[in-house]
mmCIF file of all heavy atoms, coordinates in Angstrom:
data_MODEL
# 
_entry.id   MODEL 
# 
loop_
_atom_site.group_PDB 
_atom_site.id 
_atom_site.type_symbol 
_atom_site.label_atom_id 
_atom_site.label_alt_id 
_atom_site.label_comp_id 
_atom_site.label_asym_id 
_atom_site.label_entity_id 
_atom_site.label_seq_id 
_atom_site.pdbx_PDB_ins_code 
_atom_site.Cartn_x 
_atom_site.Cartn_y 
_atom_site.Cartn_z 
_atom_site.occupancy 
_atom_site.B_iso_or_equiv 
_atom_site.pdbx_formal_charge 
_atom_site.auth_seq_id 
_atom_site.auth_comp_id 
_atom_site.auth_asym_id 
_atom_site.auth_atom_id 
_atom_site.pdbx_PDB_model_num 
ATOM 1   N N   . ILE A 1 1  ? 0.834   -1.229  0.021  1.00 0.00 ? 1  ILE A N   1 
ATOM 2   C CA  . ILE A 1 1  ? 0.032   0.064   0.074  1.00 0.00 ? 1  ILE A CA  1 
ATOM 3   C C   . ILE A 1 1  ? 0.787   1.267   -0.046 1.00 0.00 ? 1  ILE A C   1 
ATOM 4   O O   . ILE A 1 1  ? 0.356   2.354   0.067  1.00 0.00 ? 1  ILE A O   1 
ATOM 5   C CB  . ILE A 1 1  ? -0.969  -0.023  1.253  1.00 0.00 ? 1  ILE A CB  1 
ATOM 6   C CG1 . ILE A 1 1  ? -0.167  0.042   2.531  1.00 0.00 ? 1  ILE A CG1 1 
ATOM 7   C CG2 . ILE A 1 1  ? -1.922  -1.175  1.169  1.00 0.00 ? 1  ILE A CG2 1 
ATOM 8   C CD1 . ILE A 1 1  ? -0.955  0.474   3.739  1.00 0.00 ? 1  ILE A CD1 1 
ATOM 9   N N   . ALA A 1 2  ? 2.144   1.199   -0.108 1.00 0.00 ? 2  ALA A N   1 
ATOM 10  C CA  . ALA A 1 2  ? 2.977   2.298   -0.044 1.00 0.00 ? 2  ALA A CA  1 
ATOM 11  C C   . ALA A 1 2  ? 2.657   3.256   -1.163 1.00 0.00 ? 2  ALA A C   1 
ATOM 12  O O   . ALA A 1 2  ? 2.501   2.946   -2.300 1.00 0.00 ? 2  ALA A O   1 
ATOM 13  C CB  . ALA A 1 2  ? 4.486   1.908   -0.187 1.00 0.00 ? 2  ALA A CB  1 
ATOM 14  N N   . GLY A 1 3  ? 2.471   4.577   -0.752 1.00 0.00 ? 3  GLY A N   1 
ATOM 15  C CA  . GLY A 1 3  ? 2.125   5.573   -1.655 1.00 0.00 ? 3  GLY A CA  1 
ATOM 16  C C   . GLY A 1 3  ? 0.732   5.814   -1.994 1.00 0.00 ? 3  GLY A C   1 
ATOM 17  O O   . GLY A 1 3  ? 0.337   6.699   -2.800 1.00 0.00 ? 3  GLY A O   1 
ATOM 18  N N   . LEU A 1 4  ? -0.205  4.931   -1.389 1.00 0.00 ? 4  LEU A N   1 
ATOM 19  C CA  . LEU A 1 4  ? -1.643  5.030   -1.679 1.00 0.00 ? 4  LEU A CA  1 
ATOM 20  C C   . LEU A 1 4  ? -2.406  6.029   -0.717 1.00 0.00 ? 4  LEU A C   1 
ATOM 21  O O   . LEU A 1 4  ? -3.557  6.209   -0.903 1.00 0.00 ? 4  LEU A O   1 
ATOM 22  C CB  . LEU A 1 4  ? -2.212  3.673   -1.647 1.00 0.00 ? 4  LEU A CB  1 
ATOM 23  C CG  . LEU A 1 4  ? -1.771  2.654   -2.691 1.00 0.00 ? 4  LEU A CG  1 
ATOM 24  C CD1 . LEU A 1 4  ? -2.547  1.332   -2.488 1.00 0.00 ? 4  LEU A CD1 1 
ATOM 25  C CD2 . LEU A 1 4  ? -1.952  3.155   -4.092 1.00 0.00 ? 4  LEU A CD2 1 
ATOM 26  N N   . ALA A 1 5  ? -1.663  6.439   0.288  1.00 0.00 ? 5  ALA A N   1 
ATOM 27  C CA  . ALA A 1 5  ? -2.361  7.339   1.237  1.00 0.00 ? 5  ALA A CA  1 
ATOM 28  C C   . ALA A 1 5  ? -3.044  8.623   0.597  1.00 0.00 ? 5  ALA A C   1 
ATOM 29  O O   . ALA A 1 5  ? -2.452  9.191   -0.262 1.00 0.00 ? 5  ALA A O   1 
ATOM 30  C CB  . ALA A 1 5  ? -1.295  7.864   2.238  1.00 0.00 ? 5  ALA A CB  1 
ATOM 31  N N   . GLY A 1 6  ? -4.316  8.746   1.017  1.00 0.00 ? 6  GLY A N   1 
ATOM 32  C CA  . GLY A 1 6  ? -5.020  9.863   0.433  1.00 0.00 ? 6  GLY A CA  1 
ATOM 33  C C   . GLY A 1 6  ? -5.849  9.496   -0.768 1.00 0.00 ? 6  GLY A C   1 
ATOM 34  O O   . GLY A 1 6  ? -6.726  10.253  -1.211 1.00 0.00 ? 6  GLY A O   1 
ATOM 35  N N   . ARG A 1 7  ? -5.411  8.436   -1.436 1.00 0.00 ? 7  ARG A N   1 
ATOM 36  C CA  . ARG A 1 7  ? -6.175  7.953   -2.654 1.00 0.00 ? 7  ARG A CA  1 
ATOM 37  C C   . ARG A 1 7  ? -7.242  6.885   -2.393 1.00 0.00 ? 7  ARG A C   1 
ATOM 38  O O   . ARG A 1 7  ? -8.139  6.767   -3.120 1.00 0.00 ? 7  ARG A O   1 
ATOM 39  C CB  . ARG A 1 7  ? -5.151  7.496   -3.663 1.00 0.00 ? 7  ARG A CB  1 
ATOM 40  C CG  . ARG A 1 7  ? -4.122  8.516   -4.109 1.00 0.00 ? 7  ARG A CG  1 
ATOM 41  C CD  . ARG A 1 7  ? -2.984  7.856   -4.854 1.00 0.00 ? 7  ARG A CD  1 
ATOM 42  N NE  . ARG A 1 7  ? -3.389  7.176   -5.985 1.00 0.00 ? 7  ARG A NE  1 
ATOM 43  C CZ  . ARG A 1 7  ? -2.645  6.210   -6.728 1.00 0.00 ? 7  ARG A CZ  1 
ATOM 44  N NH1 . ARG A 1 7  ? -1.435  5.983   -6.250 1.00 0.00 ? 7  ARG A NH1 1 
ATOM 45  N NH2 . ARG A 1 7  ? -3.164  5.632   -7.727 1.00 0.00 ? 7  ARG A NH2 1 
ATOM 46  N N   . VAL A 1 8  ? -7.053  6.171   -1.352 1.00 0.00 ? 8  VAL A N   1 
ATOM 47  C CA  . VAL A 1 8  ? -7.869  5.108   -0.958 1.00 0.00 ? 8  VAL A CA  1 
ATOM 48  C C   . VAL A 1 8  ? -7.730  4.775   0.531  1.00 0.00 ? 8  VAL A C   1 
ATOM 49  O O   . VAL A 1 8  ? -6.659  5.053   1.093  1.00 0.00 ? 8  VAL A O   1 
ATOM 50  C CB  . VAL A 1 8  ? -7.520  3.837   -1.805 1.00 0.00 ? 8  VAL A CB  1 
ATOM 51  C CG1 . VAL A 1 8  ? -6.095  3.279   -1.430 1.00 0.00 ? 8  VAL A CG1 1 
ATOM 52  C CG2 . VAL A 1 8  ? -8.561  2.712   -1.621 1.00 0.00 ? 8  VAL A CG2 1 
ATOM 53  N N   . VAL A 1 9  ? -8.837  4.394   1.184  1.00 0.00 ? 9  VAL A N   1 
ATOM 54  C CA  . VAL A 1 9  ? -8.785  3.891   2.587  1.00 0.00 ? 9  VAL A CA  1 
ATOM 55  C C   . VAL A 1 9  ? -8.166  2.537   2.572  1.00 0.00 ? 9  VAL A C   1 
ATOM 56  O O   . VAL A 1 9  ? -8.614  1.602   1.777  1.00 0.00 ? 9  VAL A O   1 
ATOM 57  C CB  . VAL A 1 9  ? -10.142 3.901   3.178  1.00 0.00 ? 9  VAL A CB  1 
ATOM 58  C CG1 . VAL A 1 9  ? -10.074 3.218   4.623  1.00 0.00 ? 9  VAL A CG1 1 
ATOM 59  C CG2 . VAL A 1 9  ? -10.751 5.283   3.273  1.00 0.00 ? 9  VAL A CG2 1 
ATOM 60  N N   . THR A 1 10 ? -7.165  2.284   3.401  1.00 0.00 ? 10 THR A N   1 
ATOM 61  C CA  . THR A 1 10 ? -6.558  0.976   3.427  1.00 0.00 ? 10 THR A CA  1 
ATOM 62  C C   . THR A 1 10 ? -6.809  0.286   4.762  1.00 0.00 ? 10 THR A C   1 
ATOM 63  O O   . THR A 1 10 ? -6.854  0.943   5.801  1.00 0.00 ? 10 THR A O   1 
ATOM 64  C CB  . THR A 1 10 ? -5.020  1.084   3.293  1.00 0.00 ? 10 THR A CB  1 
ATOM 65  O OG1 . THR A 1 10 ? -4.435  1.924   4.321  1.00 0.00 ? 10 THR A OG1 1 
ATOM 66  C CG2 . THR A 1 10 ? -4.654  1.632   1.949  1.00 0.00 ? 10 THR A CG2 1 
ATOM 67  N N   . GLY A 1 11 ? -7.127  -1.001  4.690  1.00 0.00 ? 11 GLY A N   1 
ATOM 68  C CA  . GLY A 1 11 ? -7.411  -1.713  5.973  1.00 0.00 ? 11 GLY A CA  1 
ATOM 69  C C   . GLY A 1 11 ? -6.671  -3.073  5.953  1.00 0.00 ? 11 GLY A C   1 
ATOM 70  O O   . GLY A 1 11 ? -6.423  -3.552  4.809  1.00 0.00 ? 11 GLY A O   1 
ATOM 71  N N   . LEU A 1 12 ? -6.457  -3.571  7.159  1.00 0.00 ? 12 LEU A N   1 
ATOM 72  C CA  . LEU A 1 12 ? -5.863  -4.958  7.234  1.00 0.00 ? 12 LEU A CA  1 
ATOM 73  C C   . LEU A 1 12 ? -6.674  -5.725  8.278  1.00 0.00 ? 12 LEU A C   1 
ATOM 74  O O   . LEU A 1 12 ? -6.859  -5.239  9.407  1.00 0.00 ? 12 LEU A O   1 
ATOM 75  C CB  . LEU A 1 12 ? -4.382  -4.886  7.542  1.00 0.00 ? 12 LEU A CB  1 
ATOM 76  C CG  . LEU A 1 12 ? -3.679  -6.230  7.586  1.00 0.00 ? 12 LEU A CG  1 
ATOM 77  C CD1 . LEU A 1 12 ? -2.302  -6.168  6.876  1.00 0.00 ? 12 LEU A CD1 1 
ATOM 78  C CD2 . LEU A 1 12 ? -3.551  -6.842  8.967  1.00 0.00 ? 12 LEU A CD2 1 
ATOM 79  N N   . HIS A 1 13 ? -6.997  -6.962  7.896  1.00 0.00 ? 13 HIS A N   1 
ATOM 80  C CA  . HIS A 1 13 ? -7.844  -7.779  8.784  1.00 0.00 ? 13 HIS A CA  1 
ATOM 81  C C   . HIS A 1 13 ? -7.102  -9.040  9.292  1.00 0.00 ? 13 HIS A C   1 
ATOM 82  O O   . HIS A 1 13 ? -6.429  -9.658  8.568  1.00 0.00 ? 13 HIS A O   1 
ATOM 83  C CB  . HIS A 1 13 ? -9.144  -8.212  7.985  1.00 0.00 ? 13 HIS A CB  1 
ATOM 84  C CG  . HIS A 1 13 ? -9.942  -9.249  8.682  1.00 0.00 ? 13 HIS A CG  1 
ATOM 85  N ND1 . HIS A 1 13 ? -10.058 -10.478 8.231  1.00 0.00 ? 13 HIS A ND1 1 
ATOM 86  C CD2 . HIS A 1 13 ? -10.573 -9.225  9.902  1.00 0.00 ? 13 HIS A CD2 1 
ATOM 87  C CE1 . HIS A 1 13 ? -10.829 -11.258 9.145  1.00 0.00 ? 13 HIS A CE1 1 
ATOM 88  N NE2 . HIS A 1 13 ? -11.162 -10.434 10.160 1.00 0.00 ? 13 HIS A NE2 1 
ATOM 89  N N   . ILE A 1 14 ? -7.279  -9.212  10.636 1.00 0.00 ? 14 ILE A N   1 
ATOM 90  C CA  . ILE A 1 14 ? -6.585  -10.334 11.239 1.00 0.00 ? 14 ILE A CA  1 
ATOM 91  C C   . ILE A 1 14 ? -7.651  -11.192 12.036 1.00 0.00 ? 14 ILE A C   1 
ATOM 92  O O   . ILE A 1 14 ? -8.509  -10.673 12.651 1.00 0.00 ? 14 ILE A O   1 
ATOM 93  C CB  . ILE A 1 14 ? -5.552  -9.836  12.291 1.00 0.00 ? 14 ILE A CB  1 
ATOM 94  C CG1 . ILE A 1 14 ? -4.512  -8.963  11.588 1.00 0.00 ? 14 ILE A CG1 1 
ATOM 95  C CG2 . ILE A 1 14 ? -4.925  -10.978 13.119 1.00 0.00 ? 14 ILE A CG2 1 
ATOM 96  C CD1 . ILE A 1 14 ? -3.509  -8.332  12.624 1.00 0.00 ? 14 ILE A CD1 1 
ATOM 97  N N   . CYS A 1 15 ? -7.556  -12.538 11.736 1.00 0.00 ? 15 CYS A N   1 
ATOM 98  C CA  . CYS A 1 15 ? -8.477  -13.370 12.402 1.00 0.00 ? 15 CYS A CA  1 
ATOM 99  C C   . CYS A 1 15 ? -7.834  -14.717 12.680 1.00 0.00 ? 15 CYS A C   1 
ATOM 100 O O   . CYS A 1 15 ? -6.678  -14.917 12.486 1.00 0.00 ? 15 CYS A O   1 
ATOM 101 C CB  . CYS A 1 15 ? -9.854  -13.649 11.656 1.00 0.00 ? 15 CYS A CB  1 
ATOM 102 S SG  . CYS A 1 15 ? -9.591  -14.713 10.157 1.00 0.00 ? 15 CYS A SG  1 
ATOM 103 N N   . ARG A 1 16 ? -8.557  -15.650 13.265 1.00 0.00 ? 16 ARG A N   1 
ATOM 104 C CA  . ARG A 1 16 ? -7.991  -16.959 13.645 1.00 0.00 ? 16 ARG A CA  1 
ATOM 105 C C   . ARG A 1 16 ? -8.745  -18.130 12.894 1.00 0.00 ? 16 ARG A C   1 
ATOM 106 O O   . ARG A 1 16 ? -8.746  -19.260 13.353 1.00 0.00 ? 16 ARG A O   1 
ATOM 107 C CB  . ARG A 1 16 ? -8.134  -17.193 15.141 1.00 0.00 ? 16 ARG A CB  1 
ATOM 108 C CG  . ARG A 1 16 ? -7.320  -16.271 16.023 1.00 0.00 ? 16 ARG A CG  1 
ATOM 109 C CD  . ARG A 1 16 ? -7.777  -16.119 17.373 1.00 0.00 ? 16 ARG A CD  1 
ATOM 110 N NE  . ARG A 1 16 ? -6.826  -15.162 18.106 1.00 0.00 ? 16 ARG A NE  1 
ATOM 111 C CZ  . ARG A 1 16 ? -6.801  -13.872 17.973 1.00 0.00 ? 16 ARG A CZ  1 
ATOM 112 N NH1 . ARG A 1 16 ? -7.604  -13.321 17.083 1.00 0.00 ? 16 ARG A NH1 1 
ATOM 113 N NH2 . ARG A 1 16 ? -5.854  -13.150 18.673 1.00 0.00 ? 16 ARG A NH2 1 
ATOM 114 N N   . GLY A 1 17 ? -9.186  -17.884 11.698 1.00 0.00 ? 17 GLY A N   1 
ATOM 115 C CA  . GLY A 1 17 ? -9.841  -18.800 10.915 1.00 0.00 ? 17 GLY A CA  1 
ATOM 116 C C   . GLY A 1 17 ? -11.347 -18.662 11.001 1.00 0.00 ? 17 GLY A C   1 
ATOM 117 O O   . GLY A 1 17 ? -11.940 -18.288 12.103 1.00 0.00 ? 17 GLY A O   1 
ATOM 118 N N   . ASN A 1 18 ? -12.128 -19.016 9.879  1.00 0.00 ? 18 ASN A N   1 
ATOM 119 C CA  . ASN A 1 18 ? -13.507 -18.678 9.891  1.00 0.00 ? 18 ASN A CA  1 
ATOM 120 C C   . ASN A 1 18 ? -14.320 -19.665 9.014  1.00 0.00 ? 18 ASN A C   1 
ATOM 121 O O   . ASN A 1 18 ? -15.537 -19.530 8.906  1.00 0.00 ? 18 ASN A O   1 
ATOM 122 C CB  . ASN A 1 18 ? -13.724 -17.226 9.338  1.00 0.00 ? 18 ASN A CB  1 
ATOM 123 C CG  . ASN A 1 18 ? -15.157 -16.706 9.420  1.00 0.00 ? 18 ASN A CG  1 
ATOM 124 O OD1 . ASN A 1 18 ? -15.657 -16.639 10.554 1.00 0.00 ? 18 ASN A OD1 1 
ATOM 125 N ND2 . ASN A 1 18 ? -15.683 -16.302 8.302  1.00 0.00 ? 18 ASN A ND2 1 
ATOM 126 N N   . ARG A 1 19 ? -13.652 -20.650 8.396  1.00 0.00 ? 19 ARG A N   1 
ATOM 127 C CA  . ARG A 1 19 ? -14.349 -21.491 7.547  1.00 0.00 ? 19 ARG A CA  1 
ATOM 128 C C   . ARG A 1 19 ? -15.419 -22.290 8.175  1.00 0.00 ? 19 ARG A C   1 
ATOM 129 O O   . ARG A 1 19 ? -15.170 -23.019 9.084  1.00 0.00 ? 19 ARG A O   1 
ATOM 130 C CB  . ARG A 1 19 ? -13.357 -22.307 6.683  1.00 0.00 ? 19 ARG A CB  1 
ATOM 131 C CG  . ARG A 1 19 ? -13.946 -23.277 5.671  1.00 0.00 ? 19 ARG A CG  1 
ATOM 132 C CD  . ARG A 1 19 ? -12.818 -23.869 4.877  1.00 0.00 ? 19 ARG A CD  1 
ATOM 133 N NE  . ARG A 1 19 ? -12.047 -24.793 5.609  1.00 0.00 ? 19 ARG A NE  1 
ATOM 134 C CZ  . ARG A 1 19 ? -12.175 -26.096 5.730  1.00 0.00 ? 19 ARG A CZ  1 
ATOM 135 N NH1 . ARG A 1 19 ? -13.236 -26.659 5.238  1.00 0.00 ? 19 ARG A NH1 1 
ATOM 136 N NH2 . ARG A 1 19 ? -11.335 -26.770 6.479  1.00 0.00 ? 19 ARG A NH2 1 
ATOM 137 N N   . ALA A 1 20 ? -16.651 -22.249 7.611  1.00 0.00 ? 20 ALA A N   1 
ATOM 138 C CA  . ALA A 1 20 ? -17.755 -23.018 8.136  1.00 0.00 ? 20 ALA A CA  1 
ATOM 139 C C   . ALA A 1 20 ? -18.004 -22.939 9.520  1.00 0.00 ? 20 ALA A C   1 
ATOM 140 O O   . ALA A 1 20 ? -18.200 -24.017 10.303 1.00 0.00 ? 20 ALA A O   1 
ATOM 141 C CB  . ALA A 1 20 ? -17.601 -24.433 7.669  1.00 0.00 ? 20 ALA A CB  1 
ATOM 142 N N   . SER A 1 21 ? -17.861 -21.739 10.133 1.00 0.00 ? 21 SER A N   1 
ATOM 143 C CA  . SER A 1 21 ? -17.990 -21.558 11.667 1.00 0.00 ? 21 SER A CA  1 
ATOM 144 C C   . SER A 1 21 ? -16.887 -22.143 12.453 1.00 0.00 ? 21 SER A C   1 
ATOM 145 O O   . SER A 1 21 ? -17.065 -22.207 13.595 1.00 0.00 ? 21 SER A O   1 
ATOM 146 C CB  . SER A 1 21 ? -19.398 -21.841 11.994 1.00 0.00 ? 21 SER A CB  1 
ATOM 147 O OG  . SER A 1 21 ? -20.435 -21.108 11.498 1.00 0.00 ? 21 SER A OG  1 
ATOM 148 N N   . MET A 1 22 ? -15.823 -22.654 11.787 1.00 0.00 ? 22 MET A N   1 
ATOM 149 C CA  . MET A 1 22 ? -14.775 -23.231 12.617 1.00 0.00 ? 22 MET A CA  1 
ATOM 150 C C   . MET A 1 22 ? -13.640 -22.138 12.869 1.00 0.00 ? 22 MET A C   1 
ATOM 151 O O   . MET A 1 22 ? -13.538 -21.104 12.167 1.00 0.00 ? 22 MET A O   1 
ATOM 152 C CB  . MET A 1 22 ? -14.165 -24.365 11.848 1.00 0.00 ? 22 MET A CB  1 
ATOM 153 C CG  . MET A 1 22 ? -15.134 -25.486 11.637 1.00 0.00 ? 22 MET A CG  1 
ATOM 154 S SD  . MET A 1 22 ? -14.397 -26.962 10.795 1.00 0.00 ? 22 MET A SD  1 
ATOM 155 C CE  . MET A 1 22 ? -14.208 -26.333 9.083  1.00 0.00 ? 22 MET A CE  1 
ATOM 156 N N   . TRP A 1 23 ? -12.783 -22.465 13.826 1.00 0.00 ? 23 TRP A N   1 
ATOM 157 C CA  . TRP A 1 23 ? -11.559 -21.615 14.009 1.00 0.00 ? 23 TRP A CA  1 
ATOM 158 C C   . TRP A 1 23 ? -10.336 -22.587 13.900 1.00 0.00 ? 23 TRP A C   1 
ATOM 159 O O   . TRP A 1 23 ? -10.450 -23.842 14.109 1.00 0.00 ? 23 TRP A O   1 
ATOM 160 C CB  . TRP A 1 23 ? -11.610 -20.958 15.337 1.00 0.00 ? 23 TRP A CB  1 
ATOM 161 C CG  . TRP A 1 23 ? -11.905 -21.783 16.606 1.00 0.00 ? 23 TRP A CG  1 
ATOM 162 C CD1 . TRP A 1 23 ? -13.068 -22.177 17.024 1.00 0.00 ? 23 TRP A CD1 1 
ATOM 163 C CD2 . TRP A 1 23 ? -10.877 -22.507 17.392 1.00 0.00 ? 23 TRP A CD2 1 
ATOM 164 N NE1 . TRP A 1 23 ? -13.000 -22.989 18.077 1.00 0.00 ? 23 TRP A NE1 1 
ATOM 165 C CE2 . TRP A 1 23 ? -11.631 -23.255 18.322 1.00 0.00 ? 23 TRP A CE2 1 
ATOM 166 C CE3 . TRP A 1 23 ? -9.591  -22.551 17.357 1.00 0.00 ? 23 TRP A CE3 1 
ATOM 167 C CZ2 . TRP A 1 23 ? -11.104 -24.069 19.222 1.00 0.00 ? 23 TRP A CZ2 1 
ATOM 168 C CZ3 . TRP A 1 23 ? -8.915  -23.330 18.296 1.00 0.00 ? 23 TRP A CZ3 1 
ATOM 169 C CH2 . TRP A 1 23 ? -9.735  -24.034 19.249 1.00 0.00 ? 23 TRP A CH2 1 
ATOM 170 N N   . HIS A 1 24 ? -9.153  -21.942 13.548 1.00 0.00 ? 24 HIS A N   1 
ATOM 171 C CA  . HIS A 1 24 ? -8.069  -22.773 13.216 1.00 0.00 ? 24 HIS A CA  1 
ATOM 172 C C   . HIS A 1 24 ? -6.787  -22.506 14.078 1.00 0.00 ? 24 HIS A C   1 
ATOM 173 O O   . HIS A 1 24 ? -5.896  -23.258 14.045 1.00 0.00 ? 24 HIS A O   1 
ATOM 174 C CB  . HIS A 1 24 ? -7.696  -22.680 11.751 1.00 0.00 ? 24 HIS A CB  1 
ATOM 175 C CG  . HIS A 1 24 ? -8.904  -22.885 10.886 1.00 0.00 ? 24 HIS A CG  1 
ATOM 176 N ND1 . HIS A 1 24 ? -9.422  -24.166 10.708 1.00 0.00 ? 24 HIS A ND1 1 
ATOM 177 C CD2 . HIS A 1 24 ? -9.632  -22.082 10.097 1.00 0.00 ? 24 HIS A CD2 1 
ATOM 178 C CE1 . HIS A 1 24 ? -10.495 -24.077 9.881  1.00 0.00 ? 24 HIS A CE1 1 
ATOM 179 N NE2 . HIS A 1 24 ? -10.577 -22.815 9.523  1.00 0.00 ? 24 HIS A NE2 1 
ATOM 180 N N   . ARG A 1 25 ? -6.817  -21.359 14.738 1.00 0.00 ? 25 ARG A N   1 
ATOM 181 C CA  . ARG A 1 25 ? -5.679  -20.980 15.490 1.00 0.00 ? 25 ARG A CA  1 
ATOM 182 C C   . ARG A 1 25 ? -6.087  -20.341 16.777 1.00 0.00 ? 25 ARG A C   1 
ATOM 183 O O   . ARG A 1 25 ? -7.130  -19.865 16.989 1.00 0.00 ? 25 ARG A O   1 
ATOM 184 C CB  . ARG A 1 25 ? -4.835  -19.896 14.752 1.00 0.00 ? 25 ARG A CB  1 
ATOM 185 C CG  . ARG A 1 25 ? -4.064  -20.518 13.577 1.00 0.00 ? 25 ARG A CG  1 
ATOM 186 C CD  . ARG A 1 25 ? -3.398  -19.505 12.714 1.00 0.00 ? 25 ARG A CD  1 
ATOM 187 N NE  . ARG A 1 25 ? -2.552  -20.091 11.698 1.00 0.00 ? 25 ARG A NE  1 
ATOM 188 C CZ  . ARG A 1 25 ? -2.016  -19.441 10.653 1.00 0.00 ? 25 ARG A CZ  1 
ATOM 189 N NH1 . ARG A 1 25 ? -2.337  -18.179 10.496 1.00 0.00 ? 25 ARG A NH1 1 
ATOM 190 N NH2 . ARG A 1 25 ? -1.263  -20.043 9.828  1.00 0.00 ? 25 ARG A NH2 1 
ATOM 191 N N   . GLU A 1 26 ? -5.193  -20.444 17.806 1.00 0.00 ? 26 GLU A N   1 
ATOM 192 C CA  . GLU A 1 26 ? -5.388  -19.886 19.128 1.00 0.00 ? 26 GLU A CA  1 
ATOM 193 C C   . GLU A 1 26 ? -4.217  -18.882 19.446 1.00 0.00 ? 26 GLU A C   1 
ATOM 194 O O   . GLU A 1 26 ? -3.165  -18.932 18.852 1.00 0.00 ? 26 GLU A O   1 
ATOM 195 C CB  . GLU A 1 26 ? -5.445  -20.941 20.225 1.00 0.00 ? 26 GLU A CB  1 
ATOM 196 C CG  . GLU A 1 26 ? -6.596  -21.879 20.131 1.00 0.00 ? 26 GLU A CG  1 
ATOM 197 C CD  . GLU A 1 26 ? -6.597  -22.974 21.218 1.00 0.00 ? 26 GLU A CD  1 
ATOM 198 O OE1 . GLU A 1 26 ? -5.511  -23.307 21.647 1.00 0.00 ? 26 GLU A OE1 1 
ATOM 199 O OE2 . GLU A 1 26 ? -7.749  -23.359 21.615 1.00 0.00 ? 26 GLU A OE2 1 
ATOM 200 N N   . GLY A 1 27 ? -4.495  -18.096 20.423 1.00 0.00 ? 27 GLY A N   1 
ATOM 201 C CA  . GLY A 1 27 ? -3.365  -17.178 20.850 1.00 0.00 ? 27 GLY A CA  1 
ATOM 202 C C   . GLY A 1 27 ? -3.851  -15.691 20.853 1.00 0.00 ? 27 GLY A C   1 
ATOM 203 O O   . GLY A 1 27 ? -4.494  -15.278 19.936 1.00 0.00 ? 27 GLY A O   1 
ATOM 204 N N   . THR A 1 28 ? -3.420  -14.963 21.912 1.00 0.00 ? 28 THR A N   1 
ATOM 205 C CA  . THR A 1 28 ? -3.772  -13.579 22.044 1.00 0.00 ? 28 THR A CA  1 
ATOM 206 C C   . THR A 1 28 ? -2.891  -12.741 21.221 1.00 0.00 ? 28 THR A C   1 
ATOM 207 O O   . THR A 1 28 ? -1.866  -13.152 20.720 1.00 0.00 ? 28 THR A O   1 
ATOM 208 C CB  . THR A 1 28 ? -3.762  -13.143 23.593 1.00 0.00 ? 28 THR A CB  1 
ATOM 209 O OG1 . THR A 1 28 ? -2.413  -13.166 23.945 1.00 0.00 ? 28 THR A OG1 1 
ATOM 210 C CG2 . THR A 1 28 ? -4.556  -14.168 24.360 1.00 0.00 ? 28 THR A CG2 1 
ATOM 211 N N   . TYR A 1 29 ? -3.201  -11.359 21.119 1.00 0.00 ? 29 TYR A N   1 
ATOM 212 C CA  . TYR A 1 29 ? -2.436  -10.528 20.362 1.00 0.00 ? 29 TYR A CA  1 
ATOM 213 C C   . TYR A 1 29 ? -1.111  -10.032 21.118 1.00 0.00 ? 29 TYR A C   1 
ATOM 214 O O   . TYR A 1 29 ? -0.233  -9.361  20.495 1.00 0.00 ? 29 TYR A O   1 
ATOM 215 C CB  . TYR A 1 29 ? -3.166  -9.249  20.084 1.00 0.00 ? 29 TYR A CB  1 
ATOM 216 C CG  . TYR A 1 29 ? -4.406  -9.468  19.063 1.00 0.00 ? 29 TYR A CG  1 
ATOM 217 C CD1 . TYR A 1 29 ? -5.691  -9.411  19.629 1.00 0.00 ? 29 TYR A CD1 1 
ATOM 218 C CD2 . TYR A 1 29 ? -4.181  -9.701  17.805 1.00 0.00 ? 29 TYR A CD2 1 
ATOM 219 C CE1 . TYR A 1 29 ? -6.798  -9.657  18.861 1.00 0.00 ? 29 TYR A CE1 1 
ATOM 220 C CE2 . TYR A 1 29 ? -5.236  -9.984  16.923 1.00 0.00 ? 29 TYR A CE2 1 
ATOM 221 C CZ  . TYR A 1 29 ? -6.547  -9.916  17.413 1.00 0.00 ? 29 TYR A CZ  1 
ATOM 222 O OH  . TYR A 1 29 ? -7.626  -10.102 16.628 1.00 0.00 ? 29 TYR A OH  1 
# 
């Protein structure tokens, strides 16, 4: 995303797995 500031909103998503209501990883941030 370098150089995109001001041209688009940038986001990053972090999760622990989500397929078919399952989770795949454990651990706090």
